[in-house]
């Protein structure tokens, strides 16, 4: 079964679990915490105001974060981020498309990739190292 995961790049745990363990948050807080980590920096001061004025303004953002939470490989994350990009491209909101008052898909992908790099098992790293030593 391990070879199957290696070929397809599947992880044993979901993005939500990796993130929650790394940042010490409850799984229920995943979307909220990742939202603020991946929001474009210039949008941070306006996020709370936008949420107060229009509760649905960040609906697409939270929907994407909810979908990406169960991802177990990079391809799944990329698929959800691309879908999010398509929704934003069709949205004619000046605030979202011109001022970028939304989550950054690249930041979401970067966050996932950083967590996956940290998750790589020590035993797997050791066997790769010993195999490369024997090849010499």
Protein backbone atom coordinates (compact mmCIF):
# COMPACT_ATOMS: atom_id res chain seq x y z
CA UNK A 1 0.00 0.00 0.00
CA UNK A 2 2.92 2.35 0.65
CA UNK A 3 4.00 2.10 -3.02
CA UNK A 4 0.49 3.16 -4.08
CA UNK A 5 0.72 6.30 -1.97
CA UNK A 6 4.18 7.07 -3.27
CA UNK A 7 3.11 6.71 -6.93
CA UNK A 8 -0.04 8.79 -6.56
CA UNK A 9 1.39 11.24 -4.02
CA UNK A 10 -1.32 10.50 -1.46
CA UNK A 11 -0.85 11.50 2.15
CA UNK A 12 -2.15 9.57 5.13
CA UNK A 13 -3.75 12.71 6.53
CA UNK A 14 -5.85 15.55 5.21
CA UNK A 15 -4.72 19.15 4.80
CA UNK A 16 -7.00 20.14 7.70
CA UNK A 17 -5.26 17.73 10.08
CA UNK A 18 -1.74 18.75 9.01
CA UNK A 19 -2.60 22.43 9.41
CA UNK A 20 -4.34 21.93 12.75
CA UNK A 21 -1.42 19.98 14.20
CA UNK A 22 1.18 22.46 12.94
CA UNK A 23 -0.60 25.59 14.19
CA UNK A 24 -2.20 24.07 17.30
CA UNK A 25 -5.79 24.86 16.37
CA UNK A 26 -8.94 22.80 16.50
CA UNK A 27 -10.03 21.23 13.20
CA UNK A 28 -13.22 23.34 13.38
CA UNK A 29 -11.09 26.50 13.26
CA UNK A 30 -9.20 25.39 10.13
CA UNK A 31 -11.12 27.55 7.65
CA UNK A 32 -11.01 30.67 9.81
CA UNK A 33 -7.26 30.42 10.56
CA UNK A 34 -6.27 29.52 7.00
CA UNK A 35 -8.48 32.34 5.71
CA UNK A 36 -6.47 34.96 7.60
CA UNK A 37 -3.14 33.31 6.74
CA UNK A 38 -3.96 33.27 3.00
CA UNK A 39 -5.83 36.54 2.63
CA UNK A 40 -3.95 39.09 0.53
CA UNK A 41 -2.08 41.21 3.09
CA UNK A 42 -3.55 44.52 1.95
CA UNK A 43 -7.04 43.03 2.46
CA UNK A 44 -6.53 42.24 6.16
CA UNK A 45 -7.73 45.60 7.52
CA UNK A 46 -10.87 45.46 5.37
CA UNK A 47 -11.84 41.82 5.94
CA UNK A 48 -13.72 42.34 9.20
CA UNK A 49 -15.56 45.36 7.77
CA UNK A 50 -16.56 43.48 4.62
CA UNK A 51 -17.81 40.55 6.70
CA UNK A 52 -19.88 42.92 8.86
CA UNK A 53 -21.42 44.68 5.84
CA UNK A 54 -21.96 41.62 3.65
CA UNK A 55 -21.87 38.21 5.31
CA UNK A 56 -21.68 36.49 1.89
CA UNK A 57 -18.77 38.53 0.54
CA UNK A 58 -16.20 35.81 1.36
CA UNK A 59 -18.57 32.89 0.63
CA UNK A 60 -16.42 31.69 -2.30
CA UNK A 61 -13.24 31.92 -0.22
CA UNK A 62 -14.63 29.87 2.64
CA UNK A 63 -16.15 27.41 0.16
CA UNK A 64 -12.75 26.82 -1.41
CA UNK A 65 -11.10 26.43 1.99
CA UNK A 66 -13.79 23.92 2.98
CA UNK A 67 -13.18 21.95 -0.23
CA UNK A 68 -9.40 22.00 0.11
CA UNK A 69 -9.55 20.85 3.76
CA UNK A 70 -9.95 17.20 2.75
CA UNK A 71 -7.13 17.25 0.18
CA UNK A 72 -4.55 14.51 0.51
CA UNK A 73 -2.24 15.50 -2.35
CA UNK A 74 -1.04 18.52 -4.26
CA UNK A 75 -3.16 17.75 -7.32
CA UNK A 76 -6.35 17.96 -5.25
CA UNK A 77 -5.28 21.32 -3.83
CA UNK A 78 -4.40 22.63 -7.29
CA UNK A 79 -7.76 21.46 -8.65
CA UNK A 80 -9.67 23.36 -5.95
CA UNK A 81 -7.51 26.46 -6.33
CA UNK A 82 -8.11 26.42 -10.11
CA UNK A 83 -11.83 26.12 -9.54
CA UNK A 84 -11.64 29.07 -7.15
CA UNK A 85 -9.70 31.07 -9.76
CA UNK A 86 -12.42 30.35 -12.33
CA UNK A 87 -15.13 31.54 -9.97
CA UNK A 88 -13.21 34.76 -9.33
CA UNK A 89 -12.63 35.31 -13.05
CA UNK A 90 -16.39 35.09 -13.68
CA UNK A 91 -17.18 37.32 -10.72
CA UNK A 92 -17.39 40.93 -11.83
CA UNK A 93 -16.91 42.32 -8.33
CA UNK A 94 -14.51 45.27 -8.41
CA UNK A 95 -13.44 44.51 -4.84
CA UNK A 96 -12.52 40.90 -5.60
CA UNK A 97 -11.08 41.14 -9.12
CA UNK A 98 -9.36 44.53 -9.12
CA UNK A 99 -8.58 45.24 -5.47
CA UNK A 100 -7.97 41.54 -4.65
CA UNK A 101 -9.96 41.58 -1.43
CA UNK A 102 -9.98 37.81 -1.24
CA UNK A 103 -7.89 34.75 -0.38
CA UNK A 104 -4.78 34.11 -2.46
CA UNK A 105 -4.86 30.70 -4.12
CA UNK A 106 -1.07 30.72 -4.35
CA UNK A 107 -0.81 31.21 -0.59
CA UNK A 108 -3.13 28.25 -0.02
CA UNK A 109 -1.00 26.05 -2.27
CA UNK A 110 2.22 27.28 -0.63
CA UNK A 111 0.82 26.54 2.82
CA UNK A 112 -0.09 23.00 1.77
CA UNK A 113 3.28 22.32 0.15
CA UNK A 114 5.14 23.59 3.22
CA UNK A 115 3.14 21.27 5.47
CA UNK A 116 3.71 18.28 3.19
CA UNK A 117 7.47 18.89 3.16
CA UNK A 118 7.48 18.88 6.97
CA UNK A 119 5.34 15.73 7.06
CA UNK A 120 7.77 13.58 5.02
CA UNK A 121 8.48 10.59 7.30
CA UNK A 122 11.94 10.32 8.83
CA UNK A 123 12.09 6.60 7.97
CA UNK A 124 11.51 7.38 4.30
CA UNK A 125 14.26 10.02 4.35
CA UNK A 126 16.65 7.55 6.02
CA UNK A 127 15.98 4.80 3.48
CA UNK A 128 16.52 7.23 0.58
CA UNK A 129 19.83 8.32 2.10
CA UNK A 130 21.04 4.75 2.67
CA UNK A 131 19.99 3.73 -0.86
CA UNK A 132 21.97 6.60 -2.34
CA UNK A 133 25.02 5.60 -0.28
CA UNK A 134 24.84 2.01 -1.57
CA UNK A 135 24.60 3.22 -5.15
CA UNK A 136 28.09 4.77 -4.94
